Amino acid sequence: MSSYSFRSSRPDGWTQPRPYSDATLRLMAHGPIQPMEEPGFLARLFGNR
């Protein structure tokens, strides 16, 4: 077994999670939620919701 230990000045992402941000802050930062796929031609034509 190795005696080498890794040290970094930057904290690990698992031990230092991102701070909480509510939905309003995320909306202001990133905009509205976008669909994974663009709607097809017929869905756009007939306004499929």
N, C-alpha and C. Protein backbone atom coordinates (compact mmCIF):
# COMPACT_ATOMS: atom_id res chain seq x y z
N MET A 1 0.83 -1.18 0.00
CA MET A 1 0.00 0.00 0.00
C MET A 1 0.88 1.25 0.00
N SER A 2 0.41 2.29 -0.67
CA SER A 2 1.22 3.49 -0.81
C SER A 2 1.00 4.44 0.38
N SER A 3 2.04 5.15 0.74
CA SER A 3 1.94 6.13 1.82
C SER A 3 1.70 7.54 1.27
N TYR A 4 1.56 7.67 -0.05
CA TYR A 4 1.34 8.96 -0.68
C TYR A 4 -0.08 9.46 -0.37
N SER A 5 -0.21 10.71 0.03
CA SER A 5 -1.53 11.31 0.23
C SER A 5 -1.64 12.56 -0.62
N PHE A 6 -2.79 12.74 -1.21
CA PHE A 6 -3.03 13.87 -2.11
C PHE A 6 -3.55 15.05 -1.30
N ARG A 7 -2.95 16.22 -1.50
CA ARG A 7 -3.43 17.44 -0.83
C ARG A 7 -3.68 18.51 -1.87
N SER A 8 -4.76 19.24 -1.67
CA SER A 8 -5.10 20.32 -2.57
C SER A 8 -5.56 21.52 -1.76
N SER A 9 -5.29 22.71 -2.24
CA SER A 9 -5.73 23.90 -1.53
C SER A 9 -7.22 24.16 -1.77
N ARG A 10 -7.76 23.57 -2.83
CA ARG A 10 -9.17 23.77 -3.13
C ARG A 10 -10.01 22.68 -2.45
N PRO A 11 -11.11 23.04 -1.76
CA PRO A 11 -11.90 22.01 -1.09
C PRO A 11 -12.63 21.11 -2.09
N ASP A 12 -12.88 19.90 -1.67
CA ASP A 12 -13.56 18.93 -2.50
C ASP A 12 -15.01 19.31 -2.69
N GLY A 13 -15.57 19.07 -3.89
CA GLY A 13 -16.95 19.40 -4.17
C GLY A 13 -17.96 18.60 -3.38
N TRP A 14 -17.57 17.40 -2.95
CA TRP A 14 -18.50 16.57 -2.17
C TRP A 14 -18.56 17.05 -0.73
N THR A 15 -17.47 17.57 -0.22
CA THR A 15 -17.46 18.03 1.17
C THR A 15 -17.91 19.48 1.29
N GLN A 16 -17.82 20.24 0.20
CA GLN A 16 -18.26 21.63 0.19
C GLN A 16 -19.31 21.81 -0.91
N PRO A 17 -20.56 21.43 -0.66
CA PRO A 17 -21.58 21.54 -1.72
C PRO A 17 -21.90 23.00 -2.04
N ARG A 18 -22.53 23.20 -3.18
CA ARG A 18 -22.91 24.55 -3.59
C ARG A 18 -23.98 25.10 -2.65
N PRO A 19 -23.99 26.40 -2.44
CA PRO A 19 -25.01 26.98 -1.56
C PRO A 19 -26.40 26.88 -2.18
N TYR A 20 -27.40 26.92 -1.32
CA TYR A 20 -28.79 26.81 -1.76
C TYR A 20 -29.17 28.03 -2.58
N SER A 21 -29.91 27.81 -3.65
CA SER A 21 -30.50 28.91 -4.42
C SER A 21 -31.93 28.52 -4.76
N ASP A 22 -32.86 29.41 -4.48
CA ASP A 22 -34.25 29.07 -4.73
C ASP A 22 -34.56 29.22 -6.22
N ALA A 23 -35.78 28.86 -6.59
CA ALA A 23 -36.17 28.82 -8.00
C ALA A 23 -36.11 30.20 -8.64
N THR A 24 -36.42 31.24 -7.90
CA THR A 24 -36.41 32.59 -8.46
C THR A 24 -34.99 33.00 -8.84
N LEU A 25 -34.02 32.69 -7.98
CA LEU A 25 -32.64 33.04 -8.29
C LEU A 25 -32.14 32.25 -9.50
N ARG A 26 -32.50 30.97 -9.58
CA ARG A 26 -32.09 30.17 -10.74
C ARG A 26 -32.73 30.69 -12.01
N LEU A 27 -34.00 31.11 -11.94
CA LEU A 27 -34.68 31.65 -13.12
C LEU A 27 -34.00 32.93 -13.59
N MET A 28 -33.64 33.80 -12.66
CA MET A 28 -32.96 35.04 -13.04
C MET A 28 -31.59 34.77 -13.63
N ALA A 29 -30.90 33.75 -13.14
CA ALA A 29 -29.54 33.47 -13.61
C ALA A 29 -29.53 32.72 -14.94
N HIS A 30 -30.47 31.76 -15.12
CA HIS A 30 -30.38 30.85 -16.27
C HIS A 30 -31.56 30.94 -17.23
N GLY A 31 -32.63 31.65 -16.87
CA GLY A 31 -33.79 31.76 -17.73
C GLY A 31 -34.75 30.59 -17.50
N PRO A 32 -35.84 30.57 -18.25
CA PRO A 32 -36.84 29.51 -18.05
C PRO A 32 -36.32 28.14 -18.48
N ILE A 33 -36.95 27.12 -17.96
CA ILE A 33 -36.58 25.74 -18.30
C ILE A 33 -36.90 25.48 -19.76
N GLN A 34 -35.93 24.93 -20.47
CA GLN A 34 -36.09 24.63 -21.90
C GLN A 34 -36.36 23.15 -22.09
N PRO A 35 -37.18 22.77 -23.09
CA PRO A 35 -37.41 21.35 -23.34
C PRO A 35 -36.15 20.68 -23.88
N MET A 36 -36.06 19.36 -23.66
CA MET A 36 -34.90 18.61 -24.14
C MET A 36 -34.87 18.58 -25.66
N GLU A 37 -36.04 18.50 -26.30
CA GLU A 37 -36.12 18.45 -27.76
C GLU A 37 -37.01 19.58 -28.23
N GLU A 38 -36.68 20.12 -29.40
CA GLU A 38 -37.55 21.12 -30.00
C GLU A 38 -38.82 20.43 -30.50
N PRO A 39 -39.98 21.10 -30.39
CA PRO A 39 -41.21 20.47 -30.90
C PRO A 39 -41.15 20.30 -32.42
N GLY A 40 -41.80 19.27 -32.90
CA GLY A 40 -41.82 18.97 -34.33
C GLY A 40 -42.66 19.97 -35.11
N PHE A 41 -42.66 19.82 -36.42
CA PHE A 41 -43.38 20.75 -37.28
C PHE A 41 -44.87 20.75 -36.98
N LEU A 42 -45.48 19.56 -36.85
CA LEU A 42 -46.92 19.50 -36.61
C LEU A 42 -47.28 20.04 -35.22
N ALA A 43 -46.44 19.80 -34.26
CA ALA A 43 -46.70 20.33 -32.92
C ALA A 43 -46.65 21.86 -32.93
N ARG A 44 -45.72 22.42 -33.68
CA ARG A 44 -45.66 23.88 -33.78
C ARG A 44 -46.84 24.41 -34.59
N LEU A 45 -47.22 23.69 -35.64
CA LEU A 45 -48.30 24.14 -36.52
C LEU A 45 -49.63 24.16 -35.77
N PHE A 46 -49.93 23.11 -35.01
CA PHE A 46 -51.21 23.01 -34.32
C PHE A 46 -51.15 23.47 -32.86
N GLY A 47 -50.01 23.94 -32.40
CA GLY A 47 -49.89 24.44 -31.04
C GLY A 47 -50.09 23.36 -30.01
N ASN A 48 -49.48 22.20 -30.22
CA ASN A 48 -49.60 21.07 -29.28
C ASN A 48 -49.04 21.46 -27.93
N ARG A 49 -49.85 21.29 -26.87
CA ARG A 49 -49.40 21.66 -25.54
C ARG A 49 -49.30 20.46 -24.66
